Every structure is written in C-alpha cells, then in structure tokens.
Amino acid sequence: MEVDNKSIYDANWERWSDQKIFGPASRWLRWLVAQNLEHVDAATVADVIDVGCGQGATTMMLAERLPDARVVGIDFSDSGIAVANRNYARANLSFHADQTSDRLDLERYDLATCFEVLEHVDDWTGFLQRICGASRRYVMLSFPTGRMRAFEPSVGHLRNFARGQVEAAMSSNGYRTKNVFYAGFPFYSPIYRDMCNLLNVGTGDFASGRYGFAQKSVAALLFVSFRYLSSRHRGDQFCGLFERK
C-alpha cells in the first residue's frame, strides 16, 4: 500500500489541530495514557521522548504530569512542529522537527512514548526496535487494532495490529508488559470508528477546522461515552506501558 504520510500530515496539521485538542478519540487516548502513567515511577523519570508528537497536545500533557522531567517531542512533519511550538510552552518541554527520528540514536531516555504512529510506519518492527533501544526503562505505545476501515489510508494508516502482536515484539526487544488496555467497546469501536468511515473523516470536514460550540459539545458527549460507557479491556484501541526486563 503506497501512502505518503509526510505529505498528508504536512498538508493537514493546521486543520486537524482542534481535532487533536477537543476530539473525543484524542481526549480519551490522553486519559488512557494518564492511567498508564499511574504505573510509572515518576521519581526515576528525568528524560522523556515523544516520538511522532504531531501537533503536541499529548506531549504537553506528559510535560504537565511529569513536571520534573525534560520532555522532548519529535516529528517528521514541519507543520506539526510549527503548530506545537505555537500552541504549547513549558520550561521542561521542547519540540523538534526530526525527519528520520535521529534523536532516538543520539540520546537515551527514561521513558519513550509513541502514540498512534506505528500503524503509519512501513518497517514498524525496525522502528520499534530503535524506540526500545532509546529507553533506559519505560516504553508507552498506542495504536489501532482490529478491522481496518476504508477511510484509514487517507489518514496514512498502513495497517491495524492484531491482539498480542506488538506485545510479542516488545518481549523480543527486552521489555515486559506492565499495563495494557484494549479499550473502547462498543462506543469507540465499532460505533464511532464506523461513523468516521461513513463520514470519511480523512478528507471530509466533519472533524477538521476550528471547533465551535456545537462541535465541542458533540465531541464532549462522545468522550464521555468512551471514558465511562466503554470497556477498558475489550476493544480496538491499544494503549500499553512496558518496562525493560
């Protein structure tokens, strides 16, 4: 499958920025990330790298929840980094355009995160190996699993993962599973994901542009349905924390 992820994201980060801030799936993912952070010994985390940080909303959350750590966000999209630098500022936070994720090979970190990225990467096993090698202790990942919808290539997806597929790869890279969610049934998936497919969110205007009161209200209701009415242990959204063996 031929997908030009850099062109897709360079062209769209400006109009997708509110979606990442207010959108129900993004807000819910940050909540799942926060739940996994409860299993991290924050006192041992001095350095964090967020790989594929996009427009920076989740990276900012990491910097807020780990205020004593230096948090670095990297992304191959110049426009994503531009939006991140414009919208988010903290003394312990920085964003950097990094076309080939060179910072993974130049430094080591106590926590390496990579959210909603592996499904976009052709050689995901090699990329995951680099992420694991860059961490001294923790790796946190998220990605979609289950059935791939027709709209997903338009947002750069090359695959959805099978249950257990990445955990096996993490084990082979020297990490044990510390806490994992397969979350979202039924409101996130299949209901919301099928709605996104019907509305073709990758190219349509349903979830793009500036969010007004109506969009924020609908997004908030959907977020509530994901957080409070959907399972954290049955579903297609993976969010997992791993610790070096």
C-alpha atoms as a PDB file:
ATOM      1  CA  MET A   1       0.000   0.000   0.000  1.00  0.00           C
ATOM      2  CA  GLU A   2       1.521   3.326  -1.074  1.00  0.00           C
ATOM      3  CA  VAL A   3       0.822   6.107   1.420  1.00  0.00           C
ATOM      4  CA  ASP A   4       2.759   9.396   1.637  1.00  0.00           C
ATOM      5  CA  ASN A   5       2.383  10.148   5.328  1.00  0.00           C
ATOM      6  CA  LYS A   6       4.637  13.208   5.351  1.00  0.00           C
ATOM      7  CA  SER A   7       2.623  14.915   2.617  1.00  0.00           C
ATOM      8  CA  ILE A   8      -0.654  14.043   4.342  1.00  0.00           C
ATOM      9  CA  TYR A   9       0.389  15.489   7.675  1.00  0.00           C
ATOM     10  CA  ASP A  10       2.312  18.497   6.391  1.00  0.00           C
ATOM     11  CA  ALA A  11      -0.832  19.455   4.485  1.00  0.00           C
ATOM     12  CA  ASN A  12      -3.325  18.858   7.301  1.00  0.00           C
ATOM     13  CA  TRP A  13      -1.908  19.614  10.752  1.00  0.00           C
ATOM     14  CA  GLU A  14      -3.264  23.147  10.750  1.00  0.00           C
ATOM     15  CA  ARG A  15      -6.831  21.989  10.120  1.00  0.00           C
ATOM     16  CA  TRP A  16      -6.549  18.919  12.350  1.00  0.00           C
ATOM     17  CA  SER A  17      -5.176  20.770  15.390  1.00  0.00           C
ATOM     18  CA  ASP A  18      -8.557  21.329  17.109  1.00  0.00           C
ATOM     19  CA  GLN A  19      -9.455  17.707  16.439  1.00  0.00           C
ATOM     20  CA  LYS A  20      -6.425  16.642  18.479  1.00  0.00           C
ATOM     21  CA  ILE A  21      -7.266  19.052  21.300  1.00  0.00           C
ATOM     22  CA  PHE A  22     -11.059  18.633  21.545  1.00  0.00           C
ATOM     23  CA  GLY A  23     -11.768  15.487  19.519  1.00  0.00           C
ATOM     24  CA  PRO A  24     -13.209  12.622  21.585  1.00  0.00           C
ATOM     25  CA  ALA A  25     -10.754   9.952  20.470  1.00  0.00           C
ATOM     26  CA  SER A  26      -7.732  12.152  21.199  1.00  0.00           C
ATOM     27  CA  ARG A  27      -9.050  13.272  24.598  1.00  0.00           C
ATOM     28  CA  TRP A  28      -9.840   9.674  25.505  1.00  0.00           C
ATOM     29  CA  LEU A  29      -6.400   8.490  24.419  1.00  0.00           C
ATOM     30  CA  ARG A  30      -4.795  11.099  26.679  1.00  0.00           C
ATOM     31  CA  TRP A  31      -6.942   9.756  29.517  1.00  0.00           C
ATOM     32  CA  LEU A  32      -5.710   6.203  28.813  1.00  0.00           C
ATOM     33  CA  VAL A  33      -2.128   7.495  28.715  1.00  0.00           C
ATOM     34  CA  ALA A  34      -2.702   9.168  32.091  1.00  0.00           C
ATOM     35  CA  GLN A  35      -3.943   5.849  33.505  1.00  0.00           C
ATOM     36  CA  ASN A  36      -0.742   4.159  32.350  1.00  0.00           C
ATOM     37  CA  LEU A  37       1.368   6.948  33.863  1.00  0.00           C
ATOM     38  CA  GLU A  38      -0.001   5.865  37.250  1.00  0.00           C
ATOM     39  CA  HIS A  39       2.176   2.752  36.831  1.00  0.00           C
ATOM     40  CA  VAL A  40       5.350   4.785  36.157  1.00  0.00           C
ATOM     41  CA  ASP A  41       7.759   5.609  38.979  1.00  0.00           C
ATOM     42  CA  ALA A  42       7.908   9.323  38.180  1.00  0.00           C
ATOM     43  CA  ALA A  43      10.838   9.891  40.531  1.00  0.00           C
ATOM     44  CA  THR A  44      13.021   7.793  38.204  1.00  0.00           C
ATOM     45  CA  VAL A  45      11.998   9.625  35.015  1.00  0.00           C
ATOM     46  CA  ALA A  46      14.332  12.507  34.171  1.00  0.00           C
ATOM     47  CA  ASP A  47      14.040  12.441  30.379  1.00  0.00           C
ATOM     48  CA  VAL A  48      11.108  11.663  28.058  1.00  0.00           C
ATOM     49  CA  ILE A  49      10.923  11.479  24.272  1.00  0.00           C
ATOM     50  CA  ASP A  50       7.569  11.501  22.481  1.00  0.00           C
ATOM     51  CA  VAL A  51       8.133  10.073  19.012  1.00  0.00           C
ATOM     52  CA  GLY A  52       5.725  11.273  16.338  1.00  0.00           C
ATOM     53  CA  CYS A  53       4.379  14.020  18.589  1.00  0.00           C
ATOM     54  CA  GLY A  54       2.345  15.696  15.821  1.00  0.00           C
ATOM     55  CA  GLN A  55       0.821  18.963  16.990  1.00  0.00           C
ATOM     56  CA  GLY A  56       1.925  18.361  20.550  1.00  0.00           C
ATOM     57  CA  ALA A  57      -1.229  18.011  22.689  1.00  0.00           C
ATOM     58  CA  THR A  58      -0.247  14.669  24.217  1.00  0.00           C
ATOM     59  CA  THR A  59       3.380  15.750  24.648  1.00  0.00           C
ATOM     60  CA  MET A  60       2.179  18.780  26.578  1.00  0.00           C
ATOM     61  CA  MET A  61       0.151  16.503  28.841  1.00  0.00           C
ATOM     62  CA  LEU A  62       3.264  14.402  29.504  1.00  0.00           C
ATOM     63  CA  ALA A  63       5.210  17.534  30.429  1.00  0.00           C
ATOM     64  CA  GLU A  64       2.443  18.626  32.808  1.00  0.00           C
ATOM     65  CA  ARG A  65       2.184  15.242  34.522  1.00  0.00           C
ATOM     66  CA  LEU A  66       5.963  14.764  34.726  1.00  0.00           C
ATOM     67  CA  PRO A  67       6.988  18.313  35.694  1.00  0.00           C
ATOM     68  CA  ASP A  68      10.459  17.314  36.878  1.00  0.00           C
ATOM     69  CA  ALA A  69      11.349  15.575  33.615  1.00  0.00           C
ATOM     70  CA  ARG A  70      12.745  17.049  30.426  1.00  0.00           C
ATOM     71  CA  VAL A  71      10.179  16.214  27.724  1.00  0.00           C
ATOM     72  CA  VAL A  72      11.149  16.262  24.045  1.00  0.00           C
ATOM     73  CA  GLY A  73       8.655  15.892  21.203  1.00  0.00           C
ATOM     74  CA  ILE A  74       9.882  14.959  17.728  1.00  0.00           C
ATOM     75  CA  ASP A  75       8.025  14.597  14.446  1.00  0.00           C
ATOM     76  CA  PHE A  76       8.836  14.344  10.750  1.00  0.00           C
ATOM     77  CA  SER A  77       6.198  16.962   9.895  1.00  0.00           C
ATOM     78  CA  ASP A  78       7.448  20.547   9.834  1.00  0.00           C
ATOM     79  CA  SER A  79       3.887  21.854  10.015  1.00  0.00           C
ATOM     80  CA  GLY A  80       3.092  19.671  13.037  1.00  0.00           C
ATOM     81  CA  ILE A  81       6.130  21.019  14.897  1.00  0.00           C
ATOM     82  CA  ALA A  82       5.216  24.574  13.911  1.00  0.00           C
ATOM     83  CA  VAL A  83       1.720  24.130  15.387  1.00  0.00           C
ATOM     84  CA  ALA A  84       3.171  22.542  18.545  1.00  0.00           C
ATOM     85  CA  ASN A  85       5.651  25.373  19.097  1.00  0.00           C
ATOM     86  CA  ARG A  86       2.916  27.943  18.566  1.00  0.00           C
ATOM     87  CA  ASN A  87       0.406  26.349  20.949  1.00  0.00           C
ATOM     88  CA  TYR A  88       2.428  24.845  23.798  1.00  0.00           C
ATOM     89  CA  ALA A  89       5.185  26.197  26.022  1.00  0.00           C
ATOM     90  CA  ARG A  90       6.634  24.926  29.301  1.00  0.00           C
ATOM     91  CA  ALA A  91      10.100  25.179  30.796  1.00  0.00           C
ATOM     92  CA  ASN A  92      10.509  21.373  30.639  1.00  0.00           C
ATOM     93  CA  LEU A  93       9.123  20.960  27.096  1.00  0.00           C
ATOM     94  CA  SER A  94      10.621  21.295  23.612  1.00  0.00           C
ATOM     95  CA  PHE A  95       9.601  20.273  20.102  1.00  0.00           C
ATOM     96  CA  HIS A  96      11.909  19.435  17.214  1.00  0.00           C
ATOM     97  CA  ALA A  97      11.452  18.587  13.552  1.00  0.00           C
ATOM     98  CA  ASP A  98      13.320  15.308  13.043  1.00  0.00           C
ATOM     99  CA  GLN A  99      12.766  13.741   9.642  1.00  0.00           C
ATOM    100  CA  THR A 100      14.372  10.393  10.465  1.00  0.00           C
ATOM    101  CA  SER A 101      13.996  10.357  14.296  1.00  0.00           C
ATOM    102  CA  ASP A 102      17.747  10.797  14.742  1.00  0.00           C
ATOM    103  CA  ARG A 103      17.322  11.712  18.414  1.00  0.00           C
ATOM    104  CA  LEU A 104      16.458   8.073  19.099  1.00  0.00           C
ATOM    105  CA  ASP A 105      20.018   7.143  18.182  1.00  0.00           C
ATOM    106  CA  LEU A 106      21.801  10.104  19.794  1.00  0.00           C
ATOM    107  CA  GLU A 107      20.399  10.018  23.347  1.00  0.00           C
ATOM    108  CA  ARG A 108      18.718   7.694  25.834  1.00  0.00           C
ATOM    109  CA  TYR A 109      15.597   8.442  27.849  1.00  0.00           C
ATOM    110  CA  ASP A 110      13.861   7.025  30.897  1.00  0.00           C
ATOM    111  CA  LEU A 111      10.533   6.960  29.055  1.00  0.00           C
ATOM    112  CA  ALA A 112       9.981   6.725  25.304  1.00  0.00           C
ATOM    113  CA  THR A 113       6.433   7.167  24.022  1.00  0.00           C
ATOM    114  CA  CYS A 114       4.976   6.640  20.575  1.00  0.00           C
ATOM    115  CA  PHE A 115       1.250   7.251  20.173  1.00  0.00           C
ATOM    116  CA  GLU A 116      -0.730   6.443  17.014  1.00  0.00           C
ATOM    117  CA  VAL A 117       2.426   6.174  14.899  1.00  0.00           C
ATOM    118  CA  LEU A 118       3.372   2.523  14.338  1.00  0.00           C
ATOM    119  CA  GLU A 119       0.360   1.968  12.062  1.00  0.00           C
ATOM    120  CA  HIS A 120       1.887   4.588   9.713  1.00  0.00           C
ATOM    121  CA  VAL A 121       5.401   3.100   9.536  1.00  0.00           C
ATOM    122  CA  ASP A 122       6.395   0.684   6.784  1.00  0.00           C
ATOM    123  CA  ASP A 123       9.158  -1.061   8.772  1.00  0.00           C
ATOM    124  CA  TRP A 124       7.395  -0.860  12.114  1.00  0.00           C
ATOM    125  CA  THR A 125       9.458  -3.642  13.708  1.00  0.00           C
ATOM    126  CA  GLY A 126      12.722  -1.852  12.943  1.00  0.00           C
ATOM    127  CA  PHE A 127      11.298   1.457  14.149  1.00  0.00           C
ATOM    128  CA  LEU A 128      10.054  -0.156  17.360  1.00  0.00           C
ATOM    129  CA  GLN A 129      13.493  -1.649  17.941  1.00  0.00           C
ATOM    130  CA  ARG A 130      15.005   1.855  17.758  1.00  0.00           C
ATOM    131  CA  ILE A 131      12.435   3.184  20.242  1.00  0.00           C
ATOM    132  CA  CYS A 132      13.180   0.335  22.646  1.00  0.00           C
ATOM    133  CA  GLY A 133      16.911   0.916  22.318  1.00  0.00           C
ATOM    134  CA  ALA A 134      16.472   4.602  23.166  1.00  0.00           C
ATOM    135  CA  SER A 135      14.786   3.902  26.507  1.00  0.00           C
ATOM    136  CA  ARG A 136      16.517   3.055  29.766  1.00  0.00           C
ATOM    137  CA  ARG A 137      13.348   1.863  31.471  1.00  0.00           C
ATOM    138  CA  TYR A 138       9.833   2.506  30.075  1.00  0.00           C
ATOM    139  CA  VAL A 139       8.136   2.485  26.670  1.00  0.00           C
ATOM    140  CA  MET A 140       4.497   3.510  26.176  1.00  0.00           C
ATOM    141  CA  LEU A 141       2.668   2.845  22.907  1.00  0.00           C
ATOM    142  CA  SER A 142      -0.761   3.282  21.372  1.00  0.00           C
ATOM    143  CA  PHE A 143      -2.209   2.163  18.046  1.00  0.00           C
ATOM    144  CA  PRO A 144      -5.425   0.821  16.492  1.00  0.00           C
ATOM    145  CA  THR A 145      -6.176  -2.880  16.350  1.00  0.00           C
ATOM    146  CA  GLY A 146      -8.920  -4.913  14.735  1.00  0.00           C
ATOM    147  CA  ARG A 147     -10.718  -4.257  11.472  1.00  0.00           C
ATOM    148  CA  MET A 148      -9.243  -1.576   9.229  1.00  0.00           C
ATOM    149  CA  ARG A 149     -11.811   0.827   7.769  1.00  0.00           C
ATOM    150  CA  ALA A 150     -11.782   2.117   4.185  1.00  0.00           C
ATOM    151  CA  PHE A 151     -11.039   5.722   5.243  1.00  0.00           C
ATOM    152  CA  GLU A 152      -7.860   4.862   7.134  1.00  0.00           C
ATOM    153  CA  PRO A 153      -5.353   5.053   4.240  1.00  0.00           C
ATOM    154  CA  SER A 154      -6.461   8.677   3.743  1.00  0.00           C
ATOM    155  CA  VAL A 155      -5.041   9.458   7.194  1.00  0.00           C
ATOM    156  CA  GLY A 156      -1.884   7.463   6.491  1.00  0.00           C
ATOM    157  CA  HIS A 157      -2.637   4.079   8.047  1.00  0.00           C
ATOM    158  CA  LEU A 158      -0.798   1.120   6.547  1.00  0.00           C
ATOM    159  CA  ARG A 159      -2.226  -1.462   8.968  1.00  0.00           C
ATOM    160  CA  ASN A 160      -4.127  -2.168  12.139  1.00  0.00           C
ATOM    161  CA  PHE A 161      -2.439  -4.562  14.548  1.00  0.00           C
ATOM    162  CA  ALA A 162      -3.575  -7.939  15.821  1.00  0.00           C
ATOM    163  CA  ARG A 163      -4.079  -8.515  19.533  1.00  0.00           C
ATOM    164  CA  GLY A 164      -0.782  -9.559  21.116  1.00  0.00           C
ATOM    165  CA  GLN A 165       1.299  -8.739  18.029  1.00  0.00           C
ATOM    166  CA  VAL A 166       3.198  -5.801  19.487  1.00  0.00           C
ATOM    167  CA  GLU A 167       3.480  -7.317  22.970  1.00  0.00           C
ATOM    168  CA  ALA A 168       5.402 -10.198  21.376  1.00  0.00           C
ATOM    169  CA  ALA A 169       7.687  -7.732  19.587  1.00  0.00           C
ATOM    170  CA  MET A 170       8.257  -5.839  22.834  1.00  0.00           C
ATOM    171  CA  SER A 171       9.208  -9.046  24.621  1.00  0.00           C
ATOM    172  CA  SER A 172      11.743  -9.852  21.923  1.00  0.00           C
ATOM    173  CA  ASN A 173      13.176  -6.352  22.423  1.00  0.00           C
ATOM    174  CA  GLY A 174      13.693  -6.997  26.124  1.00  0.00           C
ATOM    175  CA  TYR A 175      10.540  -5.481  27.654  1.00  0.00           C
ATOM    176  CA  ARG A 176       7.846  -6.903  29.903  1.00  0.00           C
ATOM    177  CA  THR A 177       4.224  -5.757  29.779  1.00  0.00           C
ATOM    178  CA  LYS A 178       3.423  -3.543  32.786  1.00  0.00           C
ATOM    179  CA  ASN A 179      -0.109  -2.322  31.978  1.00  0.00           C
ATOM    180  CA  VAL A 180      -2.194  -2.671  28.822  1.00  0.00           C
ATOM    181  CA  PHE A 181      -5.588  -1.520  27.617  1.00  0.00           C
ATOM    182  CA  TYR A 182      -7.510  -2.911  24.663  1.00  0.00           C
ATOM    183  CA  ALA A 183     -10.318  -0.432  25.081  1.00  0.00           C
ATOM    184  CA  GLY A 184     -13.399   1.073  23.516  1.00  0.00           C
ATOM    185  CA  PHE A 185     -16.201  -1.455  23.029  1.00  0.00           C
ATOM    186  CA  PRO A 186     -18.823  -0.575  21.939  1.00  0.00           C
ATOM    187  CA  PHE A 187     -18.928   3.232  21.636  1.00  0.00           C
ATOM    188  CA  TYR A 188     -15.439   3.859  20.273  1.00  0.00           C
ATOM    189  CA  SER A 189     -15.412   0.690  18.223  1.00  0.00           C
ATOM    190  CA  PRO A 190     -17.373  -0.304  16.313  1.00  0.00           C
ATOM    191  CA  ILE A 191     -19.813   2.645  16.612  1.00  0.00           C
ATOM    192  CA  TYR A 192     -17.504   5.684  16.402  1.00  0.00           C
ATOM    193  CA  ARG A 193     -14.996   4.133  14.001  1.00  0.00           C
ATOM    194  CA  ASP A 194     -17.798   3.080  11.666  1.00  0.00           C
ATOM    195  CA  MET A 195     -19.225   6.613  11.854  1.00  0.00           C
ATOM    196  CA  CYS A 196     -15.814   8.033  10.934  1.00  0.00           C
ATOM    197  CA  ASN A 197     -15.739   5.679   7.973  1.00  0.00           C
ATOM    198  CA  LEU A 198     -19.233   6.708   6.861  1.00  0.00           C
ATOM    199  CA  LEU A 199     -18.312  10.408   7.086  1.00  0.00           C
ATOM    200  CA  ASN A 200     -14.848   9.824   5.546  1.00  0.00           C
ATOM    201  CA  VAL A 201     -13.110  11.910   8.185  1.00  0.00           C
ATOM    202  CA  GLY A 202      -9.760  11.705   6.414  1.00  0.00           C
ATOM    203  CA  THR A 203     -10.820  14.000   3.593  1.00  0.00           C
ATOM    204  CA  GLY A 204     -14.089  15.490   4.846  1.00  0.00           C
ATOM    205  CA  ASP A 205     -14.825  18.448   7.104  1.00  0.00           C
ATOM    206  CA  PHE A 206     -16.568  16.546   9.909  1.00  0.00           C
ATOM    207  CA  ALA A 207     -13.633  16.613  12.327  1.00  0.00           C
ATOM    208  CA  SER A 208     -11.410  19.305  10.813  1.00  0.00           C
ATOM    209  CA  GLY A 209     -11.022  23.056  11.144  1.00  0.00           C
ATOM    210  CA  ARG A 210     -11.799  25.232  14.147  1.00  0.00           C
ATOM    211  CA  TYR A 211     -14.226  23.667  16.629  1.00  0.00           C
ATOM    212  CA  GLY A 212     -17.219  25.805  17.586  1.00  0.00           C
ATOM    213  CA  PHE A 213     -19.666  25.254  20.432  1.00  0.00           C
ATOM    214  CA  ALA A 214     -21.660  22.560  18.622  1.00  0.00           C
ATOM    215  CA  GLN A 215     -18.597  20.514  17.638  1.00  0.00           C
ATOM    216  CA  LYS A 216     -17.091  20.797  21.112  1.00  0.00           C
ATOM    217  CA  SER A 217     -20.381  19.718  22.692  1.00  0.00           C
ATOM    218  CA  VAL A 218     -20.775  16.654  20.465  1.00  0.00           C
ATOM    219  CA  ALA A 219     -17.104  15.770  20.984  1.00  0.00           C
ATOM    220  CA  ALA A 220     -17.534  16.044  24.773  1.00  0.00           C
ATOM    221  CA  LEU A 221     -20.539  13.712  24.731  1.00  0.00           C
ATOM    222  CA  LEU A 222     -18.620  11.176  22.661  1.00  0.00           C
ATOM    223  CA  PHE A 223     -15.650  11.441  25.009  1.00  0.00           C
ATOM    224  CA  VAL A 224     -17.924  10.668  27.966  1.00  0.00           C
ATOM    225  CA  SER A 225     -19.258   7.606  26.137  1.00  0.00           C
ATOM    226  CA  PHE A 226     -15.696   6.372  25.519  1.00  0.00           C
ATOM    227  CA  ARG A 227     -14.475   7.006  29.063  1.00  0.00           C
ATOM    228  CA  TYR A 228     -17.437   5.961  31.164  1.00  0.00           C
ATOM    229  CA  LEU A 229     -19.562   3.677  28.983  1.00  0.00           C
ATOM    230  CA  SER A 230     -16.958   1.713  27.020  1.00  0.00           C
ATOM    231  CA  SER A 231     -14.801  -1.160  28.192  1.00  0.00           C
ATOM    232  CA  ARG A 232     -11.133  -0.612  29.057  1.00  0.00           C
ATOM    233  CA  HIS A 233     -10.400  -4.322  28.489  1.00  0.00           C
ATOM    234  CA  ARG A 234     -12.357  -5.074  25.344  1.00  0.00           C
ATOM    235  CA  GLY A 235     -11.962  -3.018  22.213  1.00  0.00           C
ATOM    236  CA  ASP A 236      -9.749  -1.883  19.341  1.00  0.00           C
ATOM    237  CA  GLN A 237      -7.761   0.947  20.945  1.00  0.00           C
ATOM    238  CA  PHE A 238      -4.450  -0.270  22.333  1.00  0.00           C
ATOM    239  CA  CYS A 239      -2.561   1.757  24.924  1.00  0.00           C
ATOM    240  CA  GLY A 240       0.196  -0.047  26.768  1.00  0.00           C
ATOM    241  CA  LEU A 241       3.101   0.548  29.128  1.00  0.00           C
ATOM    242  CA  PHE A 242       6.196  -1.650  29.010  1.00  0.00           C
ATOM    243  CA  GLU A 243       9.222  -1.857  31.311  1.00  0.00           C
ATOM    244  CA  ARG A 244      12.708  -3.056  30.466  1.00  0.00           C
ATOM    245  CA  LYS A 245      13.296  -6.577  31.787  1.00  0.00           C
END
